[in-house]
Amino acid sequence: LESLQREVDVFVIPDFVSLLSYRDAIKSAG
């Protein structure tokens, strides 16, 4: 994202069961 010419927002939509683990992994990775 830092290398791009334009600012881009990115999202992923997993299943409901995975939302909390995804939240924690994304937060941990910053």
mmCIF file of all heavy atoms, coordinates in Angstrom:
data_MODEL
# 
_entry.id   MODEL 
# 
loop_
_atom_site.group_PDB 
_atom_site.id 
_atom_site.type_symbol 
_atom_site.label_atom_id 
_atom_site.label_alt_id 
_atom_site.label_comp_id 
_atom_site.label_asym_id 
_atom_site.label_entity_id 
_atom_site.label_seq_id 
_atom_site.pdbx_PDB_ins_code 
_atom_site.Cartn_x 
_atom_site.Cartn_y 
_atom_site.Cartn_z 
_atom_site.occupancy 
_atom_site.B_iso_or_equiv 
_atom_site.pdbx_formal_charge 
_atom_site.auth_seq_id 
_atom_site.auth_comp_id 
_atom_site.auth_asym_id 
_atom_site.auth_atom_id 
_atom_site.pdbx_PDB_model_num 
ATOM 1   N N   . LEU A 1 1  ? 0.819   -1.212  0.000   1.00 0.00 ? 1  LEU A N   1 
ATOM 2   C CA  . LEU A 1 1  ? 0.000   0.000   0.000   1.00 0.00 ? 1  LEU A CA  1 
ATOM 3   C C   . LEU A 1 1  ? 0.852   1.262   0.000   1.00 0.00 ? 1  LEU A C   1 
ATOM 4   O O   . LEU A 1 1  ? 0.503   2.270   -0.626  1.00 0.00 ? 1  LEU A O   1 
ATOM 5   C CB  . LEU A 1 1  ? -0.954  -0.018  1.193   1.00 0.00 ? 1  LEU A CB  1 
ATOM 6   C CG  . LEU A 1 1  ? -2.040  -1.099  1.154   1.00 0.00 ? 1  LEU A CG  1 
ATOM 7   C CD1 . LEU A 1 1  ? -2.915  -1.030  2.398   1.00 0.00 ? 1  LEU A CD1 1 
ATOM 8   C CD2 . LEU A 1 1  ? -2.894  -0.973  -0.095  1.00 0.00 ? 1  LEU A CD2 1 
ATOM 9   N N   . GLU A 1 2  ? 1.976   1.223   0.676   1.00 0.00 ? 2  GLU A N   1 
ATOM 10  C CA  . GLU A 1 2  ? 2.879   2.386   0.702   1.00 0.00 ? 2  GLU A CA  1 
ATOM 11  C C   . GLU A 1 2  ? 3.493   2.665   -0.664  1.00 0.00 ? 2  GLU A C   1 
ATOM 12  O O   . GLU A 1 2  ? 3.851   3.806   -0.968  1.00 0.00 ? 2  GLU A O   1 
ATOM 13  C CB  . GLU A 1 2  ? 3.977   2.166   1.729   1.00 0.00 ? 2  GLU A CB  1 
ATOM 14  C CG  . GLU A 1 2  ? 3.499   2.248   3.173   1.00 0.00 ? 2  GLU A CG  1 
ATOM 15  C CD  . GLU A 1 2  ? 4.615   1.972   4.161   1.00 0.00 ? 2  GLU A CD  1 
ATOM 16  O OE1 . GLU A 1 2  ? 5.767   1.765   3.706   1.00 0.00 ? 2  GLU A OE1 1 
ATOM 17  O OE2 . GLU A 1 2  ? 4.344   1.946   5.376   1.00 0.00 ? 2  GLU A OE2 1 
ATOM 18  N N   . SER A 1 3  ? 3.602   1.638   -1.498  1.00 0.00 ? 3  SER A N   1 
ATOM 19  C CA  . SER A 1 3  ? 4.249   1.791   -2.803  1.00 0.00 ? 3  SER A CA  1 
ATOM 20  C C   . SER A 1 3  ? 3.317   2.298   -3.892  1.00 0.00 ? 3  SER A C   1 
ATOM 21  O O   . SER A 1 3  ? 3.769   2.634   -4.987  1.00 0.00 ? 3  SER A O   1 
ATOM 22  C CB  . SER A 1 3  ? 4.844   0.445   -3.240  1.00 0.00 ? 3  SER A CB  1 
ATOM 23  O OG  . SER A 1 3  ? 3.811   -0.472  -3.608  1.00 0.00 ? 3  SER A OG  1 
ATOM 24  N N   . LEU A 1 4  ? 2.019   2.369   -3.619  1.00 0.00 ? 4  LEU A N   1 
ATOM 25  C CA  . LEU A 1 4  ? 1.041   2.671   -4.653  1.00 0.00 ? 4  LEU A CA  1 
ATOM 26  C C   . LEU A 1 4  ? 0.950   4.164   -4.941  1.00 0.00 ? 4  LEU A C   1 
ATOM 27  O O   . LEU A 1 4  ? 1.205   5.005   -4.079  1.00 0.00 ? 4  LEU A O   1 
ATOM 28  C CB  . LEU A 1 4  ? -0.334  2.140   -4.237  1.00 0.00 ? 4  LEU A CB  1 
ATOM 29  C CG  . LEU A 1 4  ? -0.420  0.633   -4.005  1.00 0.00 ? 4  LEU A CG  1 
ATOM 30  C CD1 . LEU A 1 4  ? -1.823  0.251   -3.559  1.00 0.00 ? 4  LEU A CD1 1 
ATOM 31  C CD2 . LEU A 1 4  ? -0.027  -0.145  -5.247  1.00 0.00 ? 4  LEU A CD2 1 
ATOM 32  N N   . GLN A 1 5  ? 0.547   4.474   -6.158  1.00 0.00 ? 5  GLN A N   1 
ATOM 33  C CA  . GLN A 1 5  ? 0.342   5.869   -6.549  1.00 0.00 ? 5  GLN A CA  1 
ATOM 34  C C   . GLN A 1 5  ? -0.922  6.450   -5.932  1.00 0.00 ? 5  GLN A C   1 
ATOM 35  O O   . GLN A 1 5  ? -0.991  7.639   -5.648  1.00 0.00 ? 5  GLN A O   1 
ATOM 36  C CB  . GLN A 1 5  ? 0.248   5.969   -8.079  1.00 0.00 ? 5  GLN A CB  1 
ATOM 37  C CG  . GLN A 1 5  ? 1.515   5.619   -8.823  1.00 0.00 ? 5  GLN A CG  1 
ATOM 38  C CD  . GLN A 1 5  ? 1.269   5.596   -10.319 1.00 0.00 ? 5  GLN A CD  1 
ATOM 39  O OE1 . GLN A 1 5  ? 0.557   4.751   -10.855 1.00 0.00 ? 5  GLN A OE1 1 
ATOM 40  N NE2 . GLN A 1 5  ? 1.860   6.552   -11.009 1.00 0.00 ? 5  GLN A NE2 1 
ATOM 41  N N   . ARG A 1 6  ? -1.919  5.632   -5.776  1.00 0.00 ? 6  ARG A N   1 
ATOM 42  C CA  . ARG A 1 6  ? -3.191  6.060   -5.214  1.00 0.00 ? 6  ARG A CA  1 
ATOM 43  C C   . ARG A 1 6  ? -3.429  5.385   -3.879  1.00 0.00 ? 6  ARG A C   1 
ATOM 44  O O   . ARG A 1 6  ? -3.036  4.238   -3.672  1.00 0.00 ? 6  ARG A O   1 
ATOM 45  C CB  . ARG A 1 6  ? -4.343  5.679   -6.168  1.00 0.00 ? 6  ARG A CB  1 
ATOM 46  C CG  . ARG A 1 6  ? -4.319  6.401   -7.502  1.00 0.00 ? 6  ARG A CG  1 
ATOM 47  C CD  . ARG A 1 6  ? -4.707  7.855   -7.319  1.00 0.00 ? 6  ARG A CD  1 
ATOM 48  N NE  . ARG A 1 6  ? -6.044  7.985   -6.764  1.00 0.00 ? 6  ARG A NE  1 
ATOM 49  C CZ  . ARG A 1 6  ? -7.132  8.200   -7.494  1.00 0.00 ? 6  ARG A CZ  1 
ATOM 50  N NH1 . ARG A 1 6  ? -7.056  8.301   -8.796  1.00 0.00 ? 6  ARG A NH1 1 
ATOM 51  N NH2 . ARG A 1 6  ? -8.308  8.326   -6.907  1.00 0.00 ? 6  ARG A NH2 1 
ATOM 52  N N   . GLU A 1 7  ? -4.099  6.093   -2.960  1.00 0.00 ? 7  GLU A N   1 
ATOM 53  C CA  . GLU A 1 7  ? -4.448  5.503   -1.677  1.00 0.00 ? 7  GLU A CA  1 
ATOM 54  C C   . GLU A 1 7  ? -5.598  4.507   -1.862  1.00 0.00 ? 7  GLU A C   1 
ATOM 55  O O   . GLU A 1 7  ? -6.597  4.812   -2.510  1.00 0.00 ? 7  GLU A O   1 
ATOM 56  C CB  . GLU A 1 7  ? -4.843  6.593   -0.684  1.00 0.00 ? 7  GLU A CB  1 
ATOM 57  C CG  . GLU A 1 7  ? -3.686  7.498   -0.289  1.00 0.00 ? 7  GLU A CG  1 
ATOM 58  C CD  . GLU A 1 7  ? -4.084  8.526   0.745   1.00 0.00 ? 7  GLU A CD  1 
ATOM 59  O OE1 . GLU A 1 7  ? -5.190  9.104   0.588   1.00 0.00 ? 7  GLU A OE1 1 
ATOM 60  O OE2 . GLU A 1 7  ? -3.312  8.752   1.696   1.00 0.00 ? 7  GLU A OE2 1 
ATOM 61  N N   . VAL A 1 8  ? -5.425  3.340   -1.295  1.00 0.00 ? 8  VAL A N   1 
ATOM 62  C CA  . VAL A 1 8  ? -6.401  2.264   -1.462  1.00 0.00 ? 8  VAL A CA  1 
ATOM 63  C C   . VAL A 1 8  ? -6.777  1.697   -0.097  1.00 0.00 ? 8  VAL A C   1 
ATOM 64  O O   . VAL A 1 8  ? -5.901  1.381   0.712   1.00 0.00 ? 8  VAL A O   1 
ATOM 65  C CB  . VAL A 1 8  ? -5.840  1.133   -2.346  1.00 0.00 ? 8  VAL A CB  1 
ATOM 66  C CG1 . VAL A 1 8  ? -6.867  0.007   -2.492  1.00 0.00 ? 8  VAL A CG1 1 
ATOM 67  C CG2 . VAL A 1 8  ? -5.437  1.655   -3.718  1.00 0.00 ? 8  VAL A CG2 1 
ATOM 68  N N   . ASP A 1 9  ? -8.064  1.554   0.150   1.00 0.00 ? 9  ASP A N   1 
ATOM 69  C CA  . ASP A 1 9  ? -8.560  0.820   1.313   1.00 0.00 ? 9  ASP A CA  1 
ATOM 70  C C   . ASP A 1 9  ? -8.805  -0.618  0.888   1.00 0.00 ? 9  ASP A C   1 
ATOM 71  O O   . ASP A 1 9  ? -9.307  -0.881  -0.210  1.00 0.00 ? 9  ASP A O   1 
ATOM 72  C CB  . ASP A 1 9  ? -9.869  1.432   1.827   1.00 0.00 ? 9  ASP A CB  1 
ATOM 73  C CG  . ASP A 1 9  ? -9.677  2.819   2.416   1.00 0.00 ? 9  ASP A CG  1 
ATOM 74  O OD1 . ASP A 1 9  ? -8.588  3.090   2.950   1.00 0.00 ? 9  ASP A OD1 1 
ATOM 75  O OD2 . ASP A 1 9  ? -10.613 3.637   2.324   1.00 0.00 ? 9  ASP A OD2 1 
ATOM 76  N N   . VAL A 1 10 ? -8.463  -1.549  1.766   1.00 0.00 ? 10 VAL A N   1 
ATOM 77  C CA  . VAL A 1 10 ? -8.571  -2.967  1.449   1.00 0.00 ? 10 VAL A CA  1 
ATOM 78  C C   . VAL A 1 10 ? -9.389  -3.663  2.535   1.00 0.00 ? 10 VAL A C   1 
ATOM 79  O O   . VAL A 1 10 ? -9.210  -3.396  3.723   1.00 0.00 ? 10 VAL A O   1 
ATOM 80  C CB  . VAL A 1 10 ? -7.170  -3.618  1.351   1.00 0.00 ? 10 VAL A CB  1 
ATOM 81  C CG1 . VAL A 1 10 ? -7.296  -5.101  1.015   1.00 0.00 ? 10 VAL A CG1 1 
ATOM 82  C CG2 . VAL A 1 10 ? -6.313  -2.901  0.312   1.00 0.00 ? 10 VAL A CG2 1 
ATOM 83  N N   . PHE A 1 11 ? -10.284 -4.558  2.116   1.00 0.00 ? 11 PHE A N   1 
ATOM 84  C CA  . PHE A 1 11 ? -11.065 -5.314  3.095   1.00 0.00 ? 11 PHE A CA  1 
ATOM 85  C C   . PHE A 1 11 ? -11.171 -6.772  2.682   1.00 0.00 ? 11 PHE A C   1 
ATOM 86  O O   . PHE A 1 11 ? -11.047 -7.121  1.499   1.00 0.00 ? 11 PHE A O   1 
ATOM 87  C CB  . PHE A 1 11 ? -12.465 -4.712  3.283   1.00 0.00 ? 11 PHE A CB  1 
ATOM 88  C CG  . PHE A 1 11 ? -13.362 -4.779  2.068   1.00 0.00 ? 11 PHE A CG  1 
ATOM 89  C CD1 . PHE A 1 11 ? -14.211 -5.858  1.865   1.00 0.00 ? 11 PHE A CD1 1 
ATOM 90  C CD2 . PHE A 1 11 ? -13.369 -3.749  1.136   1.00 0.00 ? 11 PHE A CD2 1 
ATOM 91  C CE1 . PHE A 1 11 ? -15.045 -5.919  0.762   1.00 0.00 ? 11 PHE A CE1 1 
ATOM 92  C CE2 . PHE A 1 11 ? -14.198 -3.807  0.016   1.00 0.00 ? 11 PHE A CE2 1 
ATOM 93  C CZ  . PHE A 1 11 ? -15.043 -4.890  -0.165  1.00 0.00 ? 11 PHE A CZ  1 
ATOM 94  N N   . VAL A 1 12 ? -11.386 -7.625  3.673   1.00 0.00 ? 12 VAL A N   1 
ATOM 95  C CA  . VAL A 1 12 ? -11.655 -9.046  3.448   1.00 0.00 ? 12 VAL A CA  1 
ATOM 96  C C   . VAL A 1 12 ? -12.926 -9.402  4.194   1.00 0.00 ? 12 VAL A C   1 
ATOM 97  O O   . VAL A 1 12 ? -13.207 -8.874  5.262   1.00 0.00 ? 12 VAL A O   1 
ATOM 98  C CB  . VAL A 1 12 ? -10.495 -9.948  3.911   1.00 0.00 ? 12 VAL A CB  1 
ATOM 99  C CG1 . VAL A 1 12 ? -9.278  -9.751  3.035   1.00 0.00 ? 12 VAL A CG1 1 
ATOM 100 C CG2 . VAL A 1 12 ? -10.151 -9.707  5.369   1.00 0.00 ? 12 VAL A CG2 1 
ATOM 101 N N   . ILE A 1 13 ? -13.703 -10.316 3.601   1.00 0.00 ? 13 ILE A N   1 
ATOM 102 C CA  . ILE A 1 13 ? -14.943 -10.760 4.227   1.00 0.00 ? 13 ILE A CA  1 
ATOM 103 C C   . ILE A 1 13 ? -14.900 -12.274 4.385   1.00 0.00 ? 13 ILE A C   1 
ATOM 104 O O   . ILE A 1 13 ? -15.268 -13.027 3.472   1.00 0.00 ? 13 ILE A O   1 
ATOM 105 C CB  . ILE A 1 13 ? -16.177 -10.341 3.400   1.00 0.00 ? 13 ILE A CB  1 
ATOM 106 C CG1 . ILE A 1 13 ? -16.174 -8.829  3.137   1.00 0.00 ? 13 ILE A CG1 1 
ATOM 107 C CG2 . ILE A 1 13 ? -17.449 -10.744 4.119   1.00 0.00 ? 13 ILE A CG2 1 
ATOM 108 C CD1 . ILE A 1 13 ? -17.400 -8.329  2.393   1.00 0.00 ? 13 ILE A CD1 1 
ATOM 109 N N   . PRO A 1 14 ? -14.445 -12.752 5.537   1.00 0.00 ? 14 PRO A N   1 
ATOM 110 C CA  . PRO A 1 14 ? -14.424 -14.192 5.787   1.00 0.00 ? 14 PRO A CA  1 
ATOM 111 C C   . PRO A 1 14 ? -15.783 -14.668 6.298   1.00 0.00 ? 14 PRO A C   1 
ATOM 112 O O   . PRO A 1 14 ? -16.761 -13.906 6.303   1.00 0.00 ? 14 PRO A O   1 
ATOM 113 C CB  . PRO A 1 14 ? -13.352 -14.320 6.870   1.00 0.00 ? 14 PRO A CB  1 
ATOM 114 C CG  . PRO A 1 14 ? -13.509 -13.050 7.662   1.00 0.00 ? 14 PRO A CG  1 
ATOM 115 C CD  . PRO A 1 14 ? -13.896 -11.982 6.658   1.00 0.00 ? 14 PRO A CD  1 
ATOM 116 N N   . ASP A 1 15 ? -15.850 -15.915 6.752   1.00 0.00 ? 15 ASP A N   1 
ATOM 117 C CA  . ASP A 1 15 ? -17.066 -16.413 7.379   1.00 0.00 ? 15 ASP A CA  1 
ATOM 118 C C   . ASP A 1 15 ? -17.210 -15.817 8.786   1.00 0.00 ? 15 ASP A C   1 
ATOM 119 O O   . ASP A 1 15 ? -16.252 -15.273 9.346   1.00 0.00 ? 15 ASP A O   1 
ATOM 120 C CB  . ASP A 1 15 ? -17.034 -17.943 7.463   1.00 0.00 ? 15 ASP A CB  1 
ATOM 121 C CG  . ASP A 1 15 ? -15.854 -18.427 8.288   1.00 0.00 ? 15 ASP A CG  1 
ATOM 122 O OD1 . ASP A 1 15 ? -15.992 -18.534 9.515   1.00 0.00 ? 15 ASP A OD1 1 
ATOM 123 O OD2 . ASP A 1 15 ? -14.786 -18.671 7.703   1.00 0.00 ? 15 ASP A OD2 1 
ATOM 124 N N   . PHE A 1 16 ? -18.387 -15.925 9.368   1.00 0.00 ? 16 PHE A N   1 
ATOM 125 C CA  . PHE A 1 16 ? -18.639 -15.352 10.693  1.00 0.00 ? 16 PHE A CA  1 
ATOM 126 C C   . PHE A 1 16 ? -17.744 -15.964 11.767  1.00 0.00 ? 16 PHE A C   1 
ATOM 127 O O   . PHE A 1 16 ? -17.301 -15.274 12.683  1.00 0.00 ? 16 PHE A O   1 
ATOM 128 C CB  . PHE A 1 16 ? -20.107 -15.538 11.088  1.00 0.00 ? 16 PHE A CB  1 
ATOM 129 C CG  . PHE A 1 16 ? -21.061 -14.669 10.328  1.00 0.00 ? 16 PHE A CG  1 
ATOM 130 C CD1 . PHE A 1 16 ? -22.038 -15.241 9.521   1.00 0.00 ? 16 PHE A CD1 1 
ATOM 131 C CD2 . PHE A 1 16 ? -21.005 -13.291 10.416  1.00 0.00 ? 16 PHE A CD2 1 
ATOM 132 C CE1 . PHE A 1 16 ? -22.931 -14.452 8.818   1.00 0.00 ? 16 PHE A CE1 1 
ATOM 133 C CE2 . PHE A 1 16 ? -21.886 -12.491 9.717   1.00 0.00 ? 16 PHE A CE2 1 
ATOM 134 C CZ  . PHE A 1 16 ? -22.859 -13.073 8.915   1.00 0.00 ? 16 PHE A CZ  1 
ATOM 135 N N   . VAL A 1 17 ? -17.485 -17.278 11.671  1.00 0.00 ? 17 VAL A N   1 
ATOM 136 C CA  . VAL A 1 17 ? -16.701 -17.965 12.698  1.00 0.00 ? 17 VAL A CA  1 
ATOM 137 C C   . VAL A 1 17 ? -15.302 -17.384 12.810  1.00 0.00 ? 17 VAL A C   1 
ATOM 138 O O   . VAL A 1 17 ? -14.711 -17.365 13.897  1.00 0.00 ? 17 VAL A O   1 
ATOM 139 C CB  . VAL A 1 17 ? -16.644 -19.478 12.390  1.00 0.00 ? 17 VAL A CB  1 
ATOM 140 C CG1 . VAL A 1 17 ? -15.728 -20.204 13.362  1.00 0.00 ? 17 VAL A CG1 1 
ATOM 141 C CG2 . VAL A 1 17 ? -18.042 -20.085 12.439  1.00 0.00 ? 17 VAL A CG2 1 
ATOM 142 N N   . SER A 1 18 ? -14.775 -16.869 11.700  1.00 0.00 ? 18 SER A N   1 
ATOM 143 C CA  . SER A 1 18 ? -13.385 -16.403 11.662  1.00 0.00 ? 18 SER A CA  1 
ATOM 144 C C   . SER A 1 18 ? -13.207 -14.933 12.002  1.00 0.00 ? 18 SER A C   1 
ATOM 145 O O   . SER A 1 18 ? -12.071 -14.448 12.056  1.00 0.00 ? 18 SER A O   1 
ATOM 146 C CB  . SER A 1 18 ? -12.800 -16.668 10.266  1.00 0.00 ? 18 SER A CB  1 
ATOM 147 O OG  . SER A 1 18 ? -12.870 -18.030 9.944   1.00 0.00 ? 18 SER A OG  1 
ATOM 148 N N   . LEU A 1 19 ? -14.287 -14.209 12.240  1.00 0.00 ? 19 LEU A N   1 
ATOM 149 C CA  . LEU A 1 19 ? -14.169 -12.763 12.417  1.00 0.00 ? 19 LEU A CA  1 
ATOM 150 C C   . LEU A 1 19 ? -13.263 -12.380 13.585  1.00 0.00 ? 19 LEU A C   1 
ATOM 151 O O   . LEU A 1 19 ? -12.407 -11.496 13.460  1.00 0.00 ? 19 LEU A O   1 
ATOM 152 C CB  . LEU A 1 19 ? -15.557 -12.137 12.603  1.00 0.00 ? 19 LEU A CB  1 
ATOM 153 C CG  . LEU A 1 19 ? -16.418 -12.044 11.342  1.00 0.00 ? 19 LEU A CG  1 
ATOM 154 C CD1 . LEU A 1 19 ? -17.815 -11.533 11.693  1.00 0.00 ? 19 LEU A CD1 1 
ATOM 155 C CD2 . LEU A 1 19 ? -15.773 -11.132 10.299  1.00 0.00 ? 19 LEU A CD2 1 
ATOM 156 N N   . LEU A 1 20 ? -13.432 -13.004 14.738  1.00 0.00 ? 20 LEU A N   1 
ATOM 157 C CA  . LEU A 1 20 ? -12.644 -12.608 15.903  1.00 0.00 ? 20 LEU A CA  1 
ATOM 158 C C   . LEU A 1 20 ? -11.170 -12.954 15.735  1.00 0.00 ? 20 LEU A C   1 
ATOM 159 O O   . LEU A 1 20 ? -10.297 -12.158 16.110  1.00 0.00 ? 20 LEU A O   1 
ATOM 160 C CB  . LEU A 1 20 ? -13.210 -13.258 17.166  1.00 0.00 ? 20 LEU A CB  1 
ATOM 161 C CG  . LEU A 1 20 ? -14.574 -12.742 17.609  1.00 0.00 ? 20 LEU A CG  1 
ATOM 162 C CD1 . LEU A 1 20 ? -15.034 -13.480 18.866  1.00 0.00 ? 20 LEU A CD1 1 
ATOM 163 C CD2 . LEU A 1 20 ? -14.540 -11.240 17.874  1.00 0.00 ? 20 LEU A CD2 1 
ATOM 164 N N   . SER A 1 21 ? -10.873 -14.113 15.171  1.00 0.00 ? 21 SER A N   1 
ATOM 165 C CA  . SER A 1 21 ? -9.466  -14.460 14.958  1.00 0.00 ? 21 SER A CA  1 
ATOM 166 C C   . SER A 1 21 ? -8.840  -13.536 13.923  1.00 0.00 ? 21 SER A C   1 
ATOM 167 O O   . SER A 1 21 ? -7.674  -13.151 14.047  1.00 0.00 ? 21 SER A O   1 
ATOM 168 C CB  . SER A 1 21 ? -9.329  -15.927 14.527  1.00 0.00 ? 21 SER A CB  1 
ATOM 169 O OG  . SER A 1 21 ? -9.968  -16.166 13.294  1.00 0.00 ? 21 SER A OG  1 
ATOM 170 N N   . TYR A 1 22 ? -9.601  -13.146 12.931  1.00 0.00 ? 22 TYR A N   1 
ATOM 171 C CA  . TYR A 1 22 ? -9.101  -12.180 11.944  1.00 0.00 ? 22 TYR A CA  1 
ATOM 172 C C   . TYR A 1 22 ? -8.856  -10.826 12.592  1.00 0.00 ? 22 TYR A C   1 
ATOM 173 O O   . TYR A 1 22 ? -7.835  -10.183 12.345  1.00 0.00 ? 22 TYR A O   1 
ATOM 174 C CB  . TYR A 1 22 ? -10.114 -12.054 10.794  1.00 0.00 ? 22 TYR A CB  1 
ATOM 175 C CG  . TYR A 1 22 ? -9.757  -12.858 9.578   1.00 0.00 ? 22 TYR A CG  1 
ATOM 176 C CD1 . TYR A 1 22 ? -9.367  -14.193 9.694   1.00 0.00 ? 22 TYR A CD1 1 
ATOM 177 C CD2 . TYR A 1 22 ? -9.818  -12.316 8.308   1.00 0.00 ? 22 TYR A CD2 1 
ATOM 178 C CE1 . TYR A 1 22 ? -9.044  -14.941 8.571   1.00 0.00 ? 22 TYR A CE1 1 
ATOM 179 C CE2 . TYR A 1 22 ? -9.496  -13.052 7.178   1.00 0.00 ? 22 TYR A CE2 1 
ATOM 180 C CZ  . TYR A 1 22 ? -9.104  -14.365 7.322   1.00 0.00 ? 22 TYR A CZ  1 
ATOM 181 O OH  . TYR A 1 22 ? -8.777  -15.099 6.203   1.00 0.00 ? 22 TYR A OH  1 
ATOM 182 N N   . ARG A 1 23 ? -9.801  -10.395 13.395  1.00 0.00 ? 23 ARG A N   1 
ATOM 183 C CA  . ARG A 1 23 ? -9.625  -9.111  14.085  1.00 0.00 ? 23 ARG A CA  1 
ATOM 184 C C   . ARG A 1 23 ? -8.335  -9.105  14.890  1.00 0.00 ? 23 ARG A C   1 
ATOM 185 O O   . ARG A 1 23 ? -7.546  -8.149  14.821  1.00 0.00 ? 23 ARG A O   1 
ATOM 186 C CB  . ARG A 1 23 ? -10.809 -8.846  15.011  1.00 0.00 ? 23 ARG A CB  1 
ATOM 187 C CG  . ARG A 1 23 ? -10.695 -7.551  15.819  1.00 0.00 ? 23 ARG A CG  1 
ATOM 188 C CD  . ARG A 1 23 ? -11.658 -7.534  16.985  1.00 0.00 ? 23 ARG A CD  1 
ATOM 189 N NE  . ARG A 1 23 ? -11.349 -8.576  17.970  1.00 0.00 ? 23 ARG A NE  1 
ATOM 190 C CZ  . ARG A 1 23 ? -12.086 -8.822  19.051  1.00 0.00 ? 23 ARG A CZ  1 
ATOM 191 N NH1 . ARG A 1 23 ? -13.181 -8.122  19.276  1.00 0.00 ? 23 ARG A NH1 1 
ATOM 192 N NH2 . ARG A 1 23 ? -11.733 -9.778  19.890  1.00 0.00 ? 23 ARG A NH2 1 
ATOM 193 N N   . ASP A 1 24 ? -8.100  -10.166 15.639  1.00 0.00 ? 24 ASP A N   1 
ATOM 194 C CA  . ASP A 1 24 ? -6.918  -10.227 16.496  1.00 0.00 ? 24 ASP A CA  1 
ATOM 195 C C   . ASP A 1 24 ? -5.633  -10.289 15.678  1.00 0.00 ? 24 ASP A C   1 
ATOM 196 O O   . ASP A 1 24 ? -4.636  -9.640  16.021  1.00 0.00 ? 24 ASP A O   1 
ATOM 197 C CB  . ASP A 1 24 ? -7.008  -11.431 17.428  1.00 0.00 ? 24 ASP A CB  1 
ATOM 198 C CG  . ASP A 1 24 ? -8.148  -11.310 18.436  1.00 0.00 ? 24 ASP A CG  1 
ATOM 199 O OD1 . ASP A 1 24 ? -8.655  -10.194 18.618  1.00 0.00 ? 24 ASP A OD1 1 
ATOM 200 O OD2 . ASP A 1 24 ? -8.529  -12.345 19.019  1.00 0.00 ? 24 ASP A OD2 1 
ATOM 201 N N   . ALA A 1 25 ? -5.641  -11.048 14.586  1.00 0.00 ? 25 ALA A N   1 
ATOM 202 C CA  . ALA A 1 25 ? -4.448  -11.163 13.749  1.00 0.00 ? 25 ALA A CA  1 
ATOM 203 C C   . ALA A 1 25 ? -4.121  -9.836  13.062  1.00 0.00 ? 25 ALA A C   1 
ATOM 204 O O   . ALA A 1 25 ? -2.951  -9.439  12.975  1.00 0.00 ? 25 ALA A O   1 
ATOM 205 C CB  . ALA A 1 25 ? -4.640  -12.264 12.717  1.00 0.00 ? 25 ALA A CB  1 
ATOM 206 N N   . ILE A 1 26 ? -5.155  -9.154  12.577  1.00 0.00 ? 26 ILE A N   1 
ATOM 207 C CA  . ILE A 1 26 ? -4.947  -7.861  11.918  1.00 0.00 ? 26 ILE A CA  1 
ATOM 208 C C   . ILE A 1 26 ? -4.408  -6.834  12.910  1.00 0.00 ? 26 ILE A C   1 
ATOM 209 O O   . ILE A 1 26 ? -3.474  -6.076  12.612  1.00 0.00 ? 26 ILE A O   1 
ATOM 210 C CB  . ILE A 1 26 ? -6.261  -7.370  11.283  1.00 0.00 ? 26 ILE A CB  1 
ATOM 211 C CG1 . ILE A 1 26 ? -6.652  -8.278  10.107  1.00 0.00 ? 26 ILE A CG1 1 
ATOM 212 C CG2 . ILE A 1 26 ? -6.146  -5.922  10.824  1.00 0.00 ? 26 ILE A CG2 1 
ATOM 213 C CD1 . ILE A 1 26 ? -8.061  -8.054  9.604   1.00 0.00 ? 26 ILE A CD1 1 
ATOM 214 N N   . LYS A 1 27 ? -4.982  -6.818  14.111  1.00 0.00 ? 27 LYS A N   1 
ATOM 215 C CA  . LYS A 1 27 ? -4.521  -5.888  15.144  1.00 0.00 ? 27 LYS A CA  1 
ATOM 216 C C   . LYS A 1 27 ? -3.092  -6.194  15.554  1.00 0.00 ? 27 LYS A C   1 
ATOM 217 O O   . LYS A 1 27 ? -2.263  -5.284  15.700  1.00 0.00 ? 27 LYS A O   1 
ATOM 218 C CB  . LYS A 1 27 ? -5.449  -5.972  16.358  1.00 0.00 ? 27 LYS A CB  1 
ATOM 219 C CG  . LYS A 1 27 ? -5.093  -4.995  17.469  1.00 0.00 ? 27 LYS A CG  1 
ATOM 220 C CD  . LYS A 1 27 ? -6.095  -5.096  18.620  1.00 0.00 ? 27 LYS A CD  1 
ATOM 221 C CE  . LYS A 1 27 ? -5.746  -4.121  19.734  1.00 0.00 ? 27 LYS A CE  1 
ATOM 222 N NZ  . LYS A 1 27 ? -6.725  -4.210  20.861  1.00 0.00 ? 27 LYS A NZ  1 
ATOM 223 N N   . SER A 1 28 ? -2.764  -7.465  15.721  1.00 0.00 ? 28 SER A N   1 
ATOM 224 C CA  . SER A 1 28 ? -1.421  -7.861  16.125  1.00 0.00 ? 28 SER A CA  1 
ATOM 225 C C   . SER A 1 28 ? -0.387  -7.475  15.074  1.00 0.00 ? 28 SER A C   1 
ATOM 226 O O   . SER A 1 28 ? 0.724   -7.046  15.401  1.00 0.00 ? 28 SER A O   1 
ATOM 227 C CB  . SER A 1 28 ? -1.374  -9.368  16.368  1.00 0.00 ? 28 SER A CB  1 
ATOM 228 O OG  . SER A 1 28 ? -0.078  -9.795  16.714  1.00 0.00 ? 28 SER A OG  1 
ATOM 229 N N   . ALA A 1 29 ? -0.753  -7.600  13.794  1.00 0.00 ? 29 ALA A N   1 
ATOM 230 C CA  . ALA A 1 29 ? 0.169   -7.276  12.709  1.00 0.00 ? 29 ALA A CA  1 
ATOM 231 C C   . ALA A 1 29 ? 0.228   -5.779  12.424  1.00 0.00 ? 29 ALA A C   1 
ATOM 232 O O   . ALA A 1 29 ? 1.142   -5.314  11.731  1.00 0.00 ? 29 ALA A O   1 
ATOM 233 C CB  . ALA A 1 29 ? -0.247  -8.022  11.443  1.00 0.00 ? 29 ALA A CB  1 
ATOM 234 N N   . GLY A 1 30 ? -0.733  -5.023  12.959  1.00 0.00 ? 30 GLY A N   1 
ATOM 235 C CA  . GLY A 1 30 ? -0.791  -3.591  12.659  1.00 0.00 ? 30 GLY A CA  1 
ATOM 236 C C   . GLY A 1 30 ? -1.005  -3.327  11.179  1.00 0.00 ? 30 GLY A C   1 
ATOM 237 O O   . GLY A 1 30 ? -0.523  -2.330  10.637  1.00 0.00 ? 30 GLY A O   1 
# 
